Amino acid sequence: MPPKPGGARAAARHGDMPGRQGATAEVRRQGVDRKIGPHFIAPPPGWQRAAAALASVGSSSGSVAINAIYDRIGTDYARRRQADPRVARLIHAALGTAQSVVNVGAGAGAYEPAGRALIAVEPSAAMIAQRPAGAAPALCARAEALPLANKCVDAALAVLTVHHWADKTAGMRELRRVARGAIVLLTYDPAHRPWLTDYLPQLAALDAAQMPAMADYARWLGPVRISPVLVPHDCIDGFLYAYWRRPEAYLDPAVRAGSSSFWAIDGAEQGLAALADDLRAGAWARRYASVAAEDSYDAGYRLVVAPG
């Protein structure tokens, strides 16, 4: 891993992975077999349907080369990125009464709801390796080609992942294909401009280039509800704009390494140096006094819910 994110150009996530029969998914990744057991000791209603979705894929095997961004930058992701319970409550409430869920772009498993049958789909072997013991079965596959049967789960979930999909239209079509009910997305509105973009306009340009506009979701999914997700001042999930009231955190390379955006932009050093100067001189505190007085902040994160 490079010592400092911000200068490396991130590549698009891709890869595919067939599943295996039954409630235990055998994941073959980079020539290594890995068995992942059922998520629940006492499976809730709906698990049988989710397990059948795995079975419907067939028993074809063979190694699949996975070339995903998080294989390179996500080796310590689980430690840096943990679900914030306040954000999690909003996501889980949006899932409603769904008893079986597919989590697409699942990463290390943050924000996966307990008490429901769940299948995770993730293209990065490095991220799958960080899933905790007892986590949901994980299929190494990409959003644009989900190895699941039609209408096999009650709901589909995708958390801060859509911007990595190479073909967003195809990925949304796949979510609609496999979900009988709601599609729940935590994403970002690229029209928003948090204060960090004053120092790093490259982030605004990156957001505009890779984040779908809010109007795109209705075009892809039909009627949607879009609501802001306010970021608590002490958010424990280290996503890009989580440190809005802790600006000194952005000077820490370890903090920046927890966000893919810092790996995708070039020339961050000048903006970070300006931020450091303003913090030392008290200019940041004066300029953003109204922001620093808040307990939560609209940084641009949005919960998009498409009913079934």
C-alpha atoms as a PDB file:
ATOM      1  CA  MET A   1       0.000   0.000   0.000  1.00  0.00           C
ATOM      2  CA  PRO A   2       1.401   3.427  -0.834  1.00  0.00           C
ATOM      3  CA  PRO A   3       2.286   5.429   2.286  1.00  0.00           C
ATOM      4  CA  LYS A   4       0.008   8.374   1.547  1.00  0.00           C
ATOM      5  CA  PRO A   5      -3.330   8.385  -0.255  1.00  0.00           C
ATOM      6  CA  GLY A   6      -4.218  11.270  -2.489  1.00  0.00           C
ATOM      7  CA  GLY A   7      -1.893  10.761  -5.427  1.00  0.00           C
ATOM      8  CA  ALA A   8      -2.837   7.299  -6.667  1.00  0.00           C
ATOM      9  CA  ARG A   9      -5.514   7.008  -9.334  1.00  0.00           C
ATOM     10  CA  ALA A  10      -8.167   4.515  -8.277  1.00  0.00           C
ATOM     11  CA  ALA A  11      -9.342   1.869 -10.713  1.00  0.00           C
ATOM     12  CA  ALA A  12     -12.947   0.751 -11.240  1.00  0.00           C
ATOM     13  CA  ARG A  13     -14.214  -2.265  -9.334  1.00  0.00           C
ATOM     14  CA  HIS A  14     -15.027  -5.325 -11.305  1.00  0.00           C
ATOM     15  CA  GLY A  15     -14.937  -9.081 -11.106  1.00  0.00           C
ATOM     16  CA  ASP A  16     -17.385 -11.945 -11.017  1.00  0.00           C
ATOM     17  CA  MET A  17     -17.881 -14.983  -8.860  1.00  0.00           C
ATOM     18  CA  PRO A  18     -20.322 -17.876  -9.055  1.00  0.00           C
ATOM     19  CA  GLY A  19     -21.879 -19.229  -5.891  1.00  0.00           C
ATOM     20  CA  ARG A  20     -22.411 -22.752  -4.604  1.00  0.00           C
ATOM     21  CA  GLN A  21     -25.428 -24.763  -3.520  1.00  0.00           C
ATOM     22  CA  GLY A  22     -26.979 -24.584  -0.073  1.00  0.00           C
ATOM     23  CA  ALA A  23     -26.773 -22.177   2.832  1.00  0.00           C
ATOM     24  CA  THR A  24     -22.965 -22.318   2.866  1.00  0.00           C
ATOM     25  CA  ALA A  25     -21.305 -20.311   0.113  1.00  0.00           C
ATOM     26  CA  GLU A  26     -17.963 -21.488  -1.163  1.00  0.00           C
ATOM     27  CA  VAL A  27     -16.019 -18.493  -2.318  1.00  0.00           C
ATOM     28  CA  ARG A  28     -13.142 -19.118  -4.658  1.00  0.00           C
ATOM     29  CA  ARG A  29     -10.948 -16.082  -4.940  1.00  0.00           C
ATOM     30  CA  GLN A  30      -7.505 -15.832  -6.499  1.00  0.00           C
ATOM     31  CA  GLY A  31      -7.197 -19.603  -6.438  1.00  0.00           C
ATOM     32  CA  VAL A  32      -8.024 -19.967  -2.733  1.00  0.00           C
ATOM     33  CA  ASP A  33     -11.131 -21.781  -1.497  1.00  0.00           C
ATOM     34  CA  ARG A  34     -12.911 -20.236   1.450  1.00  0.00           C
ATOM     35  CA  LYS A  35     -16.065 -21.474   3.168  1.00  0.00           C
ATOM     36  CA  ILE A  36     -18.355 -19.046   4.892  1.00  0.00           C
ATOM     37  CA  GLY A  37     -21.092 -20.448   7.099  1.00  0.00           C
ATOM     38  CA  PRO A  38     -24.633 -19.201   7.693  1.00  0.00           C
ATOM     39  CA  HIS A  39     -24.965 -15.852   9.455  1.00  0.00           C
ATOM     40  CA  PHE A  40     -27.559 -17.018  11.979  1.00  0.00           C
ATOM     41  CA  ILE A  41     -27.550 -19.932  14.413  1.00  0.00           C
ATOM     42  CA  ALA A  42     -31.348 -19.811  14.430  1.00  0.00           C
ATOM     43  CA  PRO A  43     -32.207 -18.514  10.951  1.00  0.00           C
ATOM     44  CA  PRO A  44     -35.089 -16.029  10.804  1.00  0.00           C
ATOM     45  CA  PRO A  45     -37.952 -16.408   8.337  1.00  0.00           C
ATOM     46  CA  GLY A  46     -36.733 -15.769   4.824  1.00  0.00           C
ATOM     47  CA  TRP A  47     -33.366 -17.502   5.136  1.00  0.00           C
ATOM     48  CA  GLN A  48     -34.566 -20.453   3.094  1.00  0.00           C
ATOM     49  CA  ARG A  49     -35.378 -18.176   0.181  1.00  0.00           C
ATOM     50  CA  ALA A  50     -31.991 -16.500   0.486  1.00  0.00           C
ATOM     51  CA  ALA A  51     -30.238 -19.858   0.584  1.00  0.00           C
ATOM     52  CA  ALA A  52     -32.210 -20.953  -2.467  1.00  0.00           C
ATOM     53  CA  ALA A  53     -30.887 -17.902  -4.258  1.00  0.00           C
ATOM     54  CA  LEU A  54     -27.391 -19.238  -3.725  1.00  0.00           C
ATOM     55  CA  ALA A  55     -28.412 -22.661  -4.929  1.00  0.00           C
ATOM     56  CA  SER A  56     -29.967 -21.257  -8.087  1.00  0.00           C
ATOM     57  CA  VAL A  57     -26.584 -20.006  -9.236  1.00  0.00           C
ATOM     58  CA  GLY A  58     -25.374 -23.564  -9.761  1.00  0.00           C
ATOM     59  CA  SER A  59     -22.224 -25.331  -8.707  1.00  0.00           C
ATOM     60  CA  SER A  60     -19.767 -24.101 -11.316  1.00  0.00           C
ATOM     61  CA  SER A  61     -16.360 -23.360  -9.866  1.00  0.00           C
ATOM     62  CA  GLY A  62     -12.982 -22.163 -11.001  1.00  0.00           C
ATOM     63  CA  SER A  63     -10.884 -19.251  -9.974  1.00  0.00           C
ATOM     64  CA  VAL A  64     -11.865 -15.779 -11.039  1.00  0.00           C
ATOM     65  CA  ALA A  65      -9.299 -13.000 -11.123  1.00  0.00           C
ATOM     66  CA  ILE A  66     -10.581 -10.141  -8.990  1.00  0.00           C
ATOM     67  CA  ASN A  67      -9.130  -6.741  -9.793  1.00  0.00           C
ATOM     68  CA  ALA A  68     -10.931  -4.367  -7.431  1.00  0.00           C
ATOM     69  CA  ILE A  69      -9.898  -1.049  -5.985  1.00  0.00           C
ATOM     70  CA  TYR A  70     -10.226  -2.262  -2.405  1.00  0.00           C
ATOM     71  CA  ASP A  71      -7.857  -5.167  -3.001  1.00  0.00           C
ATOM     72  CA  ARG A  72      -5.240  -2.428  -3.106  1.00  0.00           C
ATOM     73  CA  ILE A  73      -6.458   0.153  -0.613  1.00  0.00           C
ATOM     74  CA  GLY A  74      -8.794  -1.768   1.679  1.00  0.00           C
ATOM     75  CA  THR A  75      -6.461  -4.077   3.542  1.00  0.00           C
ATOM     76  CA  ASP A  76      -7.023  -2.226   6.844  1.00  0.00           C
ATOM     77  CA  TYR A  77     -10.516  -1.004   6.052  1.00  0.00           C
ATOM     78  CA  ALA A  78     -12.400  -2.820   8.805  1.00  0.00           C
ATOM     79  CA  ARG A  79     -10.423  -1.002  11.500  1.00  0.00           C
ATOM     80  CA  ARG A  80     -10.773   2.451   9.961  1.00  0.00           C
ATOM     81  CA  ARG A  81     -14.389   2.127   8.893  1.00  0.00           C
ATOM     82  CA  GLN A  82     -16.959   1.000  11.425  1.00  0.00           C
ATOM     83  CA  ALA A  83     -20.707   1.459  11.279  1.00  0.00           C
ATOM     84  CA  ASP A  84     -21.970   4.509  13.137  1.00  0.00           C
ATOM     85  CA  PRO A  85     -25.084   3.393  15.059  1.00  0.00           C
ATOM     86  CA  ARG A  86     -27.013   6.582  14.247  1.00  0.00           C
ATOM     87  CA  VAL A  87     -26.480   6.140  10.528  1.00  0.00           C
ATOM     88  CA  ALA A  88     -27.190   2.423  10.868  1.00  0.00           C
ATOM     89  CA  ARG A  89     -30.589   3.084  12.451  1.00  0.00           C
ATOM     90  CA  LEU A  90     -31.667   5.118   9.418  1.00  0.00           C
ATOM     91  CA  ILE A  91     -30.547   2.419   7.007  1.00  0.00           C
ATOM     92  CA  HIS A  92     -32.168  -0.417   8.930  1.00  0.00           C
ATOM     93  CA  ALA A  93     -35.435   1.492   9.312  1.00  0.00           C
ATOM     94  CA  ALA A  94     -35.518   2.042   5.550  1.00  0.00           C
ATOM     95  CA  LEU A  95     -35.360  -1.733   5.023  1.00  0.00           C
ATOM     96  CA  GLY A  96     -38.722  -1.984   6.769  1.00  0.00           C
ATOM     97  CA  THR A  97     -39.999  -5.492   7.354  1.00  0.00           C
ATOM     98  CA  ALA A  98     -37.698  -7.164   4.812  1.00  0.00           C
ATOM     99  CA  GLN A  99     -36.560 -10.509   6.182  1.00  0.00           C
ATOM    100  CA  SER A 100     -34.022 -11.351   3.479  1.00  0.00           C
ATOM    101  CA  VAL A 101     -31.552  -8.796   2.126  1.00  0.00           C
ATOM    102  CA  VAL A 102     -28.724  -8.734  -0.392  1.00  0.00           C
ATOM    103  CA  ASN A 103     -26.003  -6.239   0.502  1.00  0.00           C
ATOM    104  CA  VAL A 104     -24.220  -5.199  -2.693  1.00  0.00           C
ATOM    105  CA  GLY A 105     -20.755  -3.726  -2.406  1.00  0.00           C
ATOM    106  CA  ALA A 106     -20.834  -5.087   1.121  1.00  0.00           C
ATOM    107  CA  GLY A 107     -17.187  -4.588   2.007  1.00  0.00           C
ATOM    108  CA  ALA A 108     -16.273  -5.835   5.462  1.00  0.00           C
ATOM    109  CA  GLY A 109     -19.905  -5.961   6.560  1.00  0.00           C
ATOM    110  CA  ALA A 110     -20.578  -2.562   8.154  1.00  0.00           C
ATOM    111  CA  TYR A 111     -24.267  -1.602   8.271  1.00  0.00           C
ATOM    112  CA  GLU A 112     -25.506  -5.135   7.661  1.00  0.00           C
ATOM    113  CA  PRO A 113     -28.648  -5.578   9.770  1.00  0.00           C
ATOM    114  CA  ALA A 114     -28.790  -8.345  12.346  1.00  0.00           C
ATOM    115  CA  GLY A 115     -31.828 -10.572  12.659  1.00  0.00           C
ATOM    116  CA  ARG A 116     -32.426 -10.918   8.921  1.00  0.00           C
ATOM    117  CA  ALA A 117     -31.264 -13.442   6.358  1.00  0.00           C
ATOM    118  CA  LEU A 118     -28.533 -11.720   4.417  1.00  0.00           C
ATOM    119  CA  ILE A 119     -26.285 -12.415   1.457  1.00  0.00           C
ATOM    120  CA  ALA A 120     -23.306 -10.136   0.840  1.00  0.00           C
ATOM    121  CA  VAL A 121     -21.880  -9.398  -2.606  1.00  0.00           C
ATOM    122  CA  GLU A 122     -18.423  -7.808  -2.801  1.00  0.00           C
ATOM    123  CA  PRO A 123     -15.843  -7.747  -5.638  1.00  0.00           C
ATOM    124  CA  SER A 124     -12.755  -7.329  -3.432  1.00  0.00           C
ATOM    125  CA  ALA A 125     -11.077 -10.371  -1.935  1.00  0.00           C
ATOM    126  CA  ALA A 126      -9.269  -8.123   0.549  1.00  0.00           C
ATOM    127  CA  MET A 127     -12.571  -6.826   1.850  1.00  0.00           C
ATOM    128  CA  ILE A 128     -14.158 -10.272   2.052  1.00  0.00           C
ATOM    129  CA  ALA A 129     -11.157 -11.453   4.091  1.00  0.00           C
ATOM    130  CA  GLN A 130     -11.929  -8.778   6.712  1.00  0.00           C
ATOM    131  CA  ARG A 131     -15.519  -9.847   7.290  1.00  0.00           C
ATOM    132  CA  PRO A 132     -15.886 -10.929  10.919  1.00  0.00           C
ATOM    133  CA  ALA A 133     -16.552 -14.470  12.023  1.00  0.00           C
ATOM    134  CA  GLY A 134     -20.247 -15.218  11.792  1.00  0.00           C
ATOM    135  CA  ALA A 135     -20.866 -12.602   9.104  1.00  0.00           C
ATOM    136  CA  ALA A 136     -23.278 -13.284   6.281  1.00  0.00           C
ATOM    137  CA  PRO A 137     -22.241 -15.465   3.342  1.00  0.00           C
ATOM    138  CA  ALA A 138     -20.192 -13.404   0.880  1.00  0.00           C
ATOM    139  CA  LEU A 139     -20.127 -13.881  -2.870  1.00  0.00           C
ATOM    140  CA  CYS A 140     -17.183 -12.370  -4.720  1.00  0.00           C
ATOM    141  CA  ALA A 141     -19.028 -10.667  -7.572  1.00  0.00           C
ATOM    142  CA  ARG A 142     -19.832  -7.292  -9.033  1.00  0.00           C
ATOM    143  CA  ALA A 143     -23.027  -5.281  -8.868  1.00  0.00           C
ATOM    144  CA  GLU A 144     -23.504  -5.344 -12.622  1.00  0.00           C
ATOM    145  CA  ALA A 145     -23.766  -9.161 -12.692  1.00  0.00           C
ATOM    146  CA  LEU A 146     -25.251 -10.437  -9.445  1.00  0.00           C
ATOM    147  CA  PRO A 147     -25.070 -14.248  -9.247  1.00  0.00           C
ATOM    148  CA  LEU A 148     -28.588 -14.453  -7.794  1.00  0.00           C
ATOM    149  CA  ALA A 149     -31.990 -15.541  -9.046  1.00  0.00           C
ATOM    150  CA  ASN A 150     -34.775 -13.144  -9.999  1.00  0.00           C
ATOM    151  CA  LYS A 151     -36.804 -11.787  -7.061  1.00  0.00           C
ATOM    152  CA  CYS A 152     -34.921 -13.938  -4.576  1.00  0.00           C
ATOM    153  CA  VAL A 153     -34.690 -11.488  -1.650  1.00  0.00           C
ATOM    154  CA  ASP A 154     -37.071  -9.070   0.018  1.00  0.00           C
ATOM    155  CA  ALA A 155     -34.778  -6.042  -0.276  1.00  0.00           C
ATOM    156  CA  ALA A 156     -31.477  -4.858  -1.736  1.00  0.00           C
ATOM    157  CA  LEU A 157     -29.001  -2.665   0.118  1.00  0.00           C
ATOM    158  CA  ALA A 158     -25.985  -0.719  -1.178  1.00  0.00           C
ATOM    159  CA  VAL A 159     -24.006   1.557   1.166  1.00  0.00           C
ATOM    160  CA  LEU A 160     -21.547   4.127  -0.221  1.00  0.00           C
ATOM    161  CA  THR A 161     -20.676   1.915  -3.163  1.00  0.00           C
ATOM    162  CA  VAL A 162     -22.611   3.066  -6.241  1.00  0.00           C
ATOM    163  CA  HIS A 163     -19.864   5.492  -7.282  1.00  0.00           C
ATOM    164  CA  HIS A 164     -17.497   2.549  -7.747  1.00  0.00           C
ATOM    165  CA  TRP A 165     -19.731   0.679 -10.186  1.00  0.00           C
ATOM    166  CA  ALA A 166     -18.407   0.680 -13.737  1.00  0.00           C
ATOM    167  CA  ASP A 167     -21.931   0.510 -15.214  1.00  0.00           C
ATOM    168  CA  LYS A 168     -24.379   2.121 -12.825  1.00  0.00           C
ATOM    169  CA  THR A 169     -27.378   1.533 -15.066  1.00  0.00           C
ATOM    170  CA  ALA A 170     -26.648  -2.191 -15.169  1.00  0.00           C
ATOM    171  CA  GLY A 171     -26.059  -2.297 -11.418  1.00  0.00           C
ATOM    172  CA  MET A 172     -29.406  -0.647 -10.675  1.00  0.00           C
ATOM    173  CA  ARG A 173     -31.136  -2.987 -13.079  1.00  0.00           C
ATOM    174  CA  GLU A 174     -29.627  -5.915 -11.197  1.00  0.00           C
ATOM    175  CA  LEU A 175     -30.825  -4.597  -7.834  1.00  0.00           C
ATOM    176  CA  ARG A 176     -34.341  -4.331  -9.213  1.00  0.00           C
ATOM    177  CA  ARG A 177     -34.114  -7.805 -10.740  1.00  0.00           C
ATOM    178  CA  VAL A 178     -33.173  -9.626  -7.522  1.00  0.00           C
ATOM    179  CA  ALA A 179     -35.264  -7.646  -4.997  1.00  0.00           C
ATOM    180  CA  ARG A 180     -38.972  -8.250  -4.525  1.00  0.00           C
ATOM    181  CA  GLY A 181     -39.302  -5.144  -2.396  1.00  0.00           C
ATOM    182  CA  ALA A 182     -37.374  -2.044  -1.445  1.00  0.00           C
ATOM    183  CA  ILE A 183     -33.990  -0.924  -2.718  1.00  0.00           C
ATOM    184  CA  VAL A 184     -32.095   1.104  -0.107  1.00  0.00           C
ATOM    185  CA  LEU A 185     -29.027   3.125  -1.091  1.00  0.00           C
ATOM    186  CA  LEU A 186     -26.770   5.319   0.995  1.00  0.00           C
ATOM    187  CA  THR A 187     -25.050   7.620  -1.445  1.00  0.00           C
ATOM    188  CA  TYR A 188     -23.872  11.190  -1.935  1.00  0.00           C
ATOM    189  CA  ASP A 189     -25.290  14.212  -3.735  1.00  0.00           C
ATOM    190  CA  PRO A 190     -22.517  15.554  -5.997  1.00  0.00           C
ATOM    191  CA  ALA A 191     -24.200  18.965  -6.087  1.00  0.00           C
ATOM    192  CA  HIS A 192     -23.302  19.433  -2.408  1.00  0.00           C
ATOM    193  CA  ARG A 193     -20.120  21.263  -1.411  1.00  0.00           C
ATOM    194  CA  PRO A 194     -18.875  20.524   2.130  1.00  0.00           C
ATOM    195  CA  TRP A 195     -16.243  22.881   3.506  1.00  0.00           C
ATOM    196  CA  LEU A 196     -13.431  20.420   2.784  1.00  0.00           C
ATOM    197  CA  THR A 197     -13.899  21.093  -0.928  1.00  0.00           C
ATOM    198  CA  ASP A 198     -12.841  24.712  -0.293  1.00  0.00           C
ATOM    199  CA  TYR A 199      -9.383  23.339   0.403  1.00  0.00           C
ATOM    200  CA  LEU A 200      -9.535  20.374  -1.968  1.00  0.00           C
ATOM    201  CA  PRO A 201     -11.592  21.285  -5.050  1.00  0.00           C
ATOM    202  CA  GLN A 202     -10.352  18.024  -6.542  1.00  0.00           C
ATOM    203  CA  LEU A 203     -12.854  16.276  -4.289  1.00  0.00           C
ATOM    204  CA  ALA A 204     -15.734  18.274  -5.756  1.00  0.00           C
ATOM    205  CA  ALA A 205     -14.541  17.407  -9.259  1.00  0.00           C
ATOM    206  CA  LEU A 206     -14.255  13.747  -8.308  1.00  0.00           C
ATOM    207  CA  ASP A 207     -17.730  13.722  -6.765  1.00  0.00           C
ATOM    208  CA  ALA A 208     -19.171  15.295  -9.914  1.00  0.00           C
ATOM    209  CA  ALA A 209     -17.419  12.713 -12.084  1.00  0.00           C
ATOM    210  CA  GLN A 210     -18.276   9.542 -10.199  1.00  0.00           C
ATOM    211  CA  MET A 211     -21.377  10.192  -8.085  1.00  0.00           C
ATOM    212  CA  PRO A 212     -24.777   9.882  -9.789  1.00  0.00           C
ATOM    213  CA  ALA A 213     -26.985  12.951  -9.716  1.00  0.00           C
ATOM    214  CA  MET A 214     -30.008  12.605  -7.475  1.00  0.00           C
ATOM    215  CA  ALA A 215     -32.294  12.702 -10.530  1.00  0.00           C
ATOM    216  CA  ASP A 216     -30.636   9.569 -11.914  1.00  0.00           C
ATOM    217  CA  TYR A 217     -32.130   7.302  -9.261  1.00  0.00           C
ATOM    218  CA  ALA A 218     -35.728   7.885 -10.333  1.00  0.00           C
ATOM    219  CA  ARG A 219     -34.694   7.293 -13.925  1.00  0.00           C
ATOM    220  CA  TRP A 220     -33.149   3.960 -12.970  1.00  0.00           C
ATOM    221  CA  LEU A 221     -35.538   2.759 -10.268  1.00  0.00           C
ATOM    222  CA  GLY A 222     -38.807   4.602 -10.672  1.00  0.00           C
ATOM    223  CA  PRO A 223     -40.293   6.632  -7.795  1.00  0.00           C
ATOM    224  CA  VAL A 224     -37.816   7.160  -4.961  1.00  0.00           C
ATOM    225  CA  ARG A 225     -37.708   8.884  -1.581  1.00  0.00           C
ATOM    226  CA  ILE A 226     -34.546  10.875  -0.974  1.00  0.00           C
ATOM    227  CA  SER A 227     -33.679  12.177   2.479  1.00  0.00           C
ATOM    228  CA  PRO A 228     -30.544  13.763   3.951  1.00  0.00           C
ATOM    229  CA  VAL A 229     -28.379  11.751   6.317  1.00  0.00           C
ATOM    230  CA  LEU A 230     -26.885  14.199   8.787  1.00  0.00           C
ATOM    231  CA  VAL A 231     -23.390  13.306   9.958  1.00  0.00           C
ATOM    232  CA  PRO A 232     -22.915  13.381  13.759  1.00  0.00           C
ATOM    233  CA  HIS A 233     -19.974  15.477  14.955  1.00  0.00           C
ATOM    234  CA  ASP A 234     -18.433  12.387  16.546  1.00  0.00           C
ATOM    235  CA  CYS A 235     -19.245   9.937  13.747  1.00  0.00           C
ATOM    236  CA  ILE A 236     -17.228   6.746  14.227  1.00  0.00           C
ATOM    237  CA  ASP A 237     -17.356   5.729  10.556  1.00  0.00           C
ATOM    238  CA  GLY A 238     -14.420   7.368   8.810  1.00  0.00           C
ATOM    239  CA  PHE A 239     -16.033   8.068   5.437  1.00  0.00           C
ATOM    240  CA  LEU A 240     -14.832  11.090   3.486  1.00  0.00           C
ATOM    241  CA  TYR A 241     -16.741  13.954   5.107  1.00  0.00           C
ATOM    242  CA  ALA A 242     -17.194  12.335   8.538  1.00  0.00           C
ATOM    243  CA  TYR A 243     -14.598  14.594  10.164  1.00  0.00           C
ATOM    244  CA  TRP A 244     -16.377  17.857   9.376  1.00  0.00           C
ATOM    245  CA  ARG A 245     -16.015  19.112  12.986  1.00  0.00           C
ATOM    246  CA  ARG A 246     -12.597  17.522  13.490  1.00  0.00           C
ATOM    247  CA  PRO A 247     -10.657  19.187  10.670  1.00  0.00           C
ATOM    248  CA  GLU A 248      -7.253  18.247  12.047  1.00  0.00           C
ATOM    249  CA  ALA A 249      -8.089  14.621  11.275  1.00  0.00           C
ATOM    250  CA  TYR A 250      -7.637  15.266   7.549  1.00  0.00           C
ATOM    251  CA  LEU A 251      -3.954  15.944   8.179  1.00  0.00           C
ATOM    252  CA  ASP A 252      -3.515  12.338   9.355  1.00  0.00           C
ATOM    253  CA  PRO A 253      -2.492   9.985   6.512  1.00  0.00           C
ATOM    254  CA  ALA A 254      -4.134   7.070   8.328  1.00  0.00           C
ATOM    255  CA  VAL A 255      -7.472   8.882   8.337  1.00  0.00           C
ATOM    256  CA  ARG A 256      -7.157   9.763   4.646  1.00  0.00           C
ATOM    257  CA  ALA A 257      -6.311   6.158   3.847  1.00  0.00           C
ATOM    258  CA  GLY A 258      -9.791   5.137   5.006  1.00  0.00           C
ATOM    259  CA  SER A 259     -11.439   7.008   2.134  1.00  0.00           C
ATOM    260  CA  SER A 260     -11.159   5.890  -1.476  1.00  0.00           C
ATOM    261  CA  SER A 261     -11.477   9.502  -2.631  1.00  0.00           C
ATOM    262  CA  PHE A 262      -8.060  10.398  -1.258  1.00  0.00           C
ATOM    263  CA  TRP A 263      -6.582   7.563  -3.286  1.00  0.00           C
ATOM    264  CA  ALA A 264      -8.289   8.838  -6.416  1.00  0.00           C
ATOM    265  CA  ILE A 265      -7.175  12.486  -6.436  1.00  0.00           C
ATOM    266  CA  ASP A 266      -3.831  14.062  -7.245  1.00  0.00           C
ATOM    267  CA  GLY A 267      -2.203  17.133  -5.779  1.00  0.00           C
ATOM    268  CA  ALA A 268      -3.829  17.080  -2.357  1.00  0.00           C
ATOM    269  CA  GLU A 269      -0.682  18.280  -0.617  1.00  0.00           C
ATOM    270  CA  GLN A 270      -1.216  21.987  -1.347  1.00  0.00           C
ATOM    271  CA  GLY A 271      -4.763  22.022  -0.010  1.00  0.00           C
ATOM    272  CA  LEU A 272      -3.808  20.039   3.073  1.00  0.00           C
ATOM    273  CA  ALA A 273      -0.947  22.439   3.759  1.00  0.00           C
ATOM    274  CA  ALA A 274      -3.369  25.369   3.523  1.00  0.00           C
ATOM    275  CA  LEU A 275      -5.720  23.608   5.956  1.00  0.00           C
ATOM    276  CA  ALA A 276      -2.851  23.038   8.386  1.00  0.00           C
ATOM    277  CA  ASP A 277      -1.874  26.718   8.171  1.00  0.00           C
ATOM    278  CA  ASP A 278      -5.455  27.855   8.786  1.00  0.00           C
ATOM    279  CA  LEU A 279      -5.819  25.566  11.779  1.00  0.00           C
ATOM    280  CA  ARG A 280      -2.620  26.884  13.339  1.00  0.00           C
ATOM    281  CA  ALA A 281      -3.618  30.510  12.722  1.00  0.00           C
ATOM    282  CA  GLY A 282      -7.210  30.073  13.865  1.00  0.00           C
ATOM    283  CA  ALA A 283      -8.516  31.028  10.419  1.00  0.00           C
ATOM    284  CA  TRP A 284     -10.477  27.788  10.041  1.00  0.00           C
ATOM    285  CA  ALA A 285     -12.237  28.327  13.367  1.00  0.00           C
ATOM    286  CA  ARG A 286     -13.226  31.847  12.370  1.00  0.00           C
ATOM    287  CA  ARG A 287     -14.322  30.971   8.839  1.00  0.00           C
ATOM    288  CA  TYR A 288     -16.388  27.950   9.835  1.00  0.00           C
ATOM    289  CA  ALA A 289     -17.564  29.007  13.288  1.00  0.00           C
ATOM    290  CA  SER A 290     -21.203  28.354  12.415  1.00  0.00           C
ATOM    291  CA  VAL A 291     -20.365  24.850  11.215  1.00  0.00           C
ATOM    292  CA  ALA A 292     -18.295  24.049  14.297  1.00  0.00           C
ATOM    293  CA  ALA A 293     -21.201  25.063  16.524  1.00  0.00           C
ATOM    294  CA  GLU A 294     -23.454  22.335  15.138  1.00  0.00           C
ATOM    295  CA  ASP A 295     -23.864  18.817  16.512  1.00  0.00           C
ATOM    296  CA  SER A 296     -24.642  17.341  13.093  1.00  0.00           C
ATOM    297  CA  TYR A 297     -23.922  18.444   9.545  1.00  0.00           C
ATOM    298  CA  ASP A 298     -25.454  17.992   6.139  1.00  0.00           C
ATOM    299  CA  ALA A 299     -22.323  16.996   4.237  1.00  0.00           C
ATOM    300  CA  GLY A 300     -24.328  15.772   1.247  1.00  0.00           C
ATOM    301  CA  TYR A 301     -25.043  12.150   2.138  1.00  0.00           C
ATOM    302  CA  ARG A 302     -28.436  10.933   1.029  1.00  0.00           C
ATOM    303  CA  LEU A 303     -30.619   7.902   1.706  1.00  0.00           C
ATOM    304  CA  VAL A 304     -32.400   6.838  -1.468  1.00  0.00           C
ATOM    305  CA  VAL A 305     -35.269   4.385  -1.065  1.00  0.00           C
ATOM    306  CA  ALA A 306     -37.123   2.854  -3.995  1.00  0.00           C
ATOM    307  CA  PRO A 307     -40.224   0.962  -2.842  1.00  0.00           C
ATOM    308  CA  GLY A 308     -40.861  -2.469  -4.245  1.00  0.00           C
END
